[in-house]
Amino acid sequence: MKISREEVLHVAKLARLELSPQEIERLTDQLSNILTYVEKLNQLDTQQIEPTSHVLSLSNVFREDRARPSLPVEKALENAPDSEGPFFRVPKIIE
């Protein structure tokens, strides 16, 4: 599929890109080549191929969540610049 210079200019305008004449010509060729390649892929019979969301199978590499004791309040507030009782004190930002 051939893409026209006008289509490249239209897409550039939508993307708010300012392209030089050389870039317009280069992108016209490159985008045409990409669309030609996609057309070739569309000719393949994919009836027996299961759809995928990712080329590689992904697995979670995080550790399992386990309940355990948290940091004591006194220890958490040790380095706080300002605290009030068991809370961090922060500057008021809403009137």
C-alpha atoms as a PDB file:
ATOM      1  CA  MET A   1       0.000   0.000   0.000  1.00  0.00           C
ATOM      2  CA  LYS A   2       1.381   3.348  -0.984  1.00  0.00           C
ATOM      3  CA  ILE A   3       0.938   6.280   1.372  1.00  0.00           C
ATOM      4  CA  SER A   4       0.743   9.738  -0.151  1.00  0.00           C
ATOM      5  CA  ARG A   5       2.662  12.854   0.751  1.00  0.00           C
ATOM      6  CA  GLU A   6      -0.640  14.499   1.741  1.00  0.00           C
ATOM      7  CA  GLU A   7      -1.393  11.680   4.194  1.00  0.00           C
ATOM      8  CA  VAL A   8       2.025  12.111   5.801  1.00  0.00           C
ATOM      9  CA  LEU A   9       1.394  15.857   6.104  1.00  0.00           C
ATOM     10  CA  HIS A  10      -2.036  15.179   7.604  1.00  0.00           C
ATOM     11  CA  VAL A  11      -0.601  12.811  10.232  1.00  0.00           C
ATOM     12  CA  ALA A  12       2.199  15.295  10.977  1.00  0.00           C
ATOM     13  CA  LYS A  13      -0.394  18.026  11.494  1.00  0.00           C
ATOM     14  CA  LEU A  14      -2.414  15.803  13.854  1.00  0.00           C
ATOM     15  CA  ALA A  15       0.760  15.017  15.806  1.00  0.00           C
ATOM     16  CA  ARG A  16       1.740  18.701  15.718  1.00  0.00           C
ATOM     17  CA  LEU A  17       5.030  17.901  13.998  1.00  0.00           C
ATOM     18  CA  GLU A  18       6.898  20.298  11.772  1.00  0.00           C
ATOM     19  CA  LEU A  19       8.689  18.282   9.100  1.00  0.00           C
ATOM     20  CA  SER A  20      11.275  19.358   6.592  1.00  0.00           C
ATOM     21  CA  PRO A  21      10.774  18.398   2.908  1.00  0.00           C
ATOM     22  CA  GLN A  22      13.472  15.713   3.288  1.00  0.00           C
ATOM     23  CA  GLU A  23      11.731  14.246   6.336  1.00  0.00           C
ATOM     24  CA  ILE A  24       8.397  14.201   4.500  1.00  0.00           C
ATOM     25  CA  GLU A  25       9.917  12.253   1.610  1.00  0.00           C
ATOM     26  CA  ARG A  26      11.748   9.852   3.933  1.00  0.00           C
ATOM     27  CA  LEU A  27       8.630   9.233   6.050  1.00  0.00           C
ATOM     28  CA  THR A  28       6.492   8.724   2.957  1.00  0.00           C
ATOM     29  CA  ASP A  29       8.834   5.942   1.813  1.00  0.00           C
ATOM     30  CA  GLN A  30       9.215   4.414   5.279  1.00  0.00           C
ATOM     31  CA  LEU A  31       5.493   4.389   6.043  1.00  0.00           C
ATOM     32  CA  SER A  32       4.733   2.916   2.614  1.00  0.00           C
ATOM     33  CA  ASN A  33       7.239   0.126   3.282  1.00  0.00           C
ATOM     34  CA  ILE A  34       5.663  -0.580   6.679  1.00  0.00           C
ATOM     35  CA  LEU A  35       2.154  -0.761   5.210  1.00  0.00           C
ATOM     36  CA  THR A  36       3.366  -3.022   2.388  1.00  0.00           C
ATOM     37  CA  TYR A  37       4.873  -5.378   4.972  1.00  0.00           C
ATOM     38  CA  VAL A  38       1.632  -5.413   6.991  1.00  0.00           C
ATOM     39  CA  GLU A  39      -0.277  -6.294   3.812  1.00  0.00           C
ATOM     40  CA  LYS A  40       2.026  -9.308   3.367  1.00  0.00           C
ATOM     41  CA  LEU A  41       1.319 -10.368   6.957  1.00  0.00           C
ATOM     42  CA  ASN A  42      -2.431 -10.080   6.338  1.00  0.00           C
ATOM     43  CA  GLN A  43      -2.099 -12.704   3.587  1.00  0.00           C
ATOM     44  CA  LEU A  44      -1.036 -15.364   6.116  1.00  0.00           C
ATOM     45  CA  ASP A  45      -3.565 -17.940   7.303  1.00  0.00           C
ATOM     46  CA  THR A  46      -3.883 -17.406  11.050  1.00  0.00           C
ATOM     47  CA  GLN A  47      -7.047 -19.456  11.663  1.00  0.00           C
ATOM     48  CA  GLN A  48      -5.239 -22.058  13.765  1.00  0.00           C
ATOM     49  CA  ILE A  49      -3.082 -19.585  15.712  1.00  0.00           C
ATOM     50  CA  GLU A  50      -4.208 -18.594  19.179  1.00  0.00           C
ATOM     51  CA  PRO A  51      -4.306 -14.827  19.841  1.00  0.00           C
ATOM     52  CA  THR A  52      -1.701 -13.532  22.271  1.00  0.00           C
ATOM     53  CA  SER A  53      -1.152 -10.268  24.082  1.00  0.00           C
ATOM     54  CA  HIS A  54       2.602 -10.764  24.331  1.00  0.00           C
ATOM     55  CA  VAL A  55       5.172 -12.693  22.323  1.00  0.00           C
ATOM     56  CA  LEU A  56       6.785 -14.244  25.392  1.00  0.00           C
ATOM     57  CA  SER A  57       4.962 -15.906  28.253  1.00  0.00           C
ATOM     58  CA  LEU A  58       5.102 -13.640  31.271  1.00  0.00           C
ATOM     59  CA  SER A  59       5.168 -14.682  34.895  1.00  0.00           C
ATOM     60  CA  ASN A  60       5.137 -12.693  38.087  1.00  0.00           C
ATOM     61  CA  VAL A  61       8.600 -12.506  39.651  1.00  0.00           C
ATOM     62  CA  PHE A  62       7.502 -10.877  42.894  1.00  0.00           C
ATOM     63  CA  ARG A  63       7.617 -12.687  46.183  1.00  0.00           C
ATOM     64  CA  GLU A  64       4.494 -13.999  47.848  1.00  0.00           C
ATOM     65  CA  ASP A  65       2.790 -11.550  50.208  1.00  0.00           C
ATOM     66  CA  ARG A  66       3.054 -12.588  53.842  1.00  0.00           C
ATOM     67  CA  ALA A  67       1.728 -10.856  56.920  1.00  0.00           C
ATOM     68  CA  ARG A  68       4.498  -9.887  59.325  1.00  0.00           C
ATOM     69  CA  PRO A  69       5.014  -7.311  62.065  1.00  0.00           C
ATOM     70  CA  SER A  70       5.419  -3.753  60.866  1.00  0.00           C
ATOM     71  CA  LEU A  71       7.738  -1.020  62.109  1.00  0.00           C
ATOM     72  CA  PRO A  72       6.761   0.217  65.585  1.00  0.00           C
ATOM     73  CA  VAL A  73       5.250   3.732  65.594  1.00  0.00           C
ATOM     74  CA  GLU A  74       8.030   5.089  67.849  1.00  0.00           C
ATOM     75  CA  LYS A  75      10.696   3.823  65.473  1.00  0.00           C
ATOM     76  CA  ALA A  76       8.886   5.260  62.411  1.00  0.00           C
ATOM     77  CA  LEU A  77       8.607   8.693  64.070  1.00  0.00           C
ATOM     78  CA  GLU A  78      12.235   8.780  65.302  1.00  0.00           C
ATOM     79  CA  ASN A  79      13.515  10.773  62.297  1.00  0.00           C
ATOM     80  CA  ALA A  80      10.334  12.754  61.627  1.00  0.00           C
ATOM     81  CA  PRO A  81      10.986  16.524  61.637  1.00  0.00           C
ATOM     82  CA  ASP A  82       7.671  17.066  63.451  1.00  0.00           C
ATOM     83  CA  SER A  83       5.187  14.694  65.040  1.00  0.00           C
ATOM     84  CA  GLU A  84       2.133  14.922  67.232  1.00  0.00           C
ATOM     85  CA  GLY A  85       1.296  11.827  69.252  1.00  0.00           C
ATOM     86  CA  PRO A  86       1.477   8.762  66.983  1.00  0.00           C
ATOM     87  CA  PHE A  87       1.199  10.884  63.784  1.00  0.00           C
ATOM     88  CA  PHE A  88       3.491  12.727  61.362  1.00  0.00           C
ATOM     89  CA  ARG A  89       2.804  16.467  61.472  1.00  0.00           C
ATOM     90  CA  VAL A  90       2.876  18.162  58.063  1.00  0.00           C
ATOM     91  CA  PRO A  91       2.267  21.744  56.917  1.00  0.00           C
ATOM     92  CA  LYS A  92      -1.349  22.638  56.213  1.00  0.00           C
ATOM     93  CA  ILE A  93      -1.938  22.950  52.465  1.00  0.00           C
ATOM     94  CA  ILE A  94      -5.707  23.431  52.309  1.00  0.00           C
ATOM     95  CA  GLU A  95      -7.287  26.511  53.887  1.00  0.00           C
END
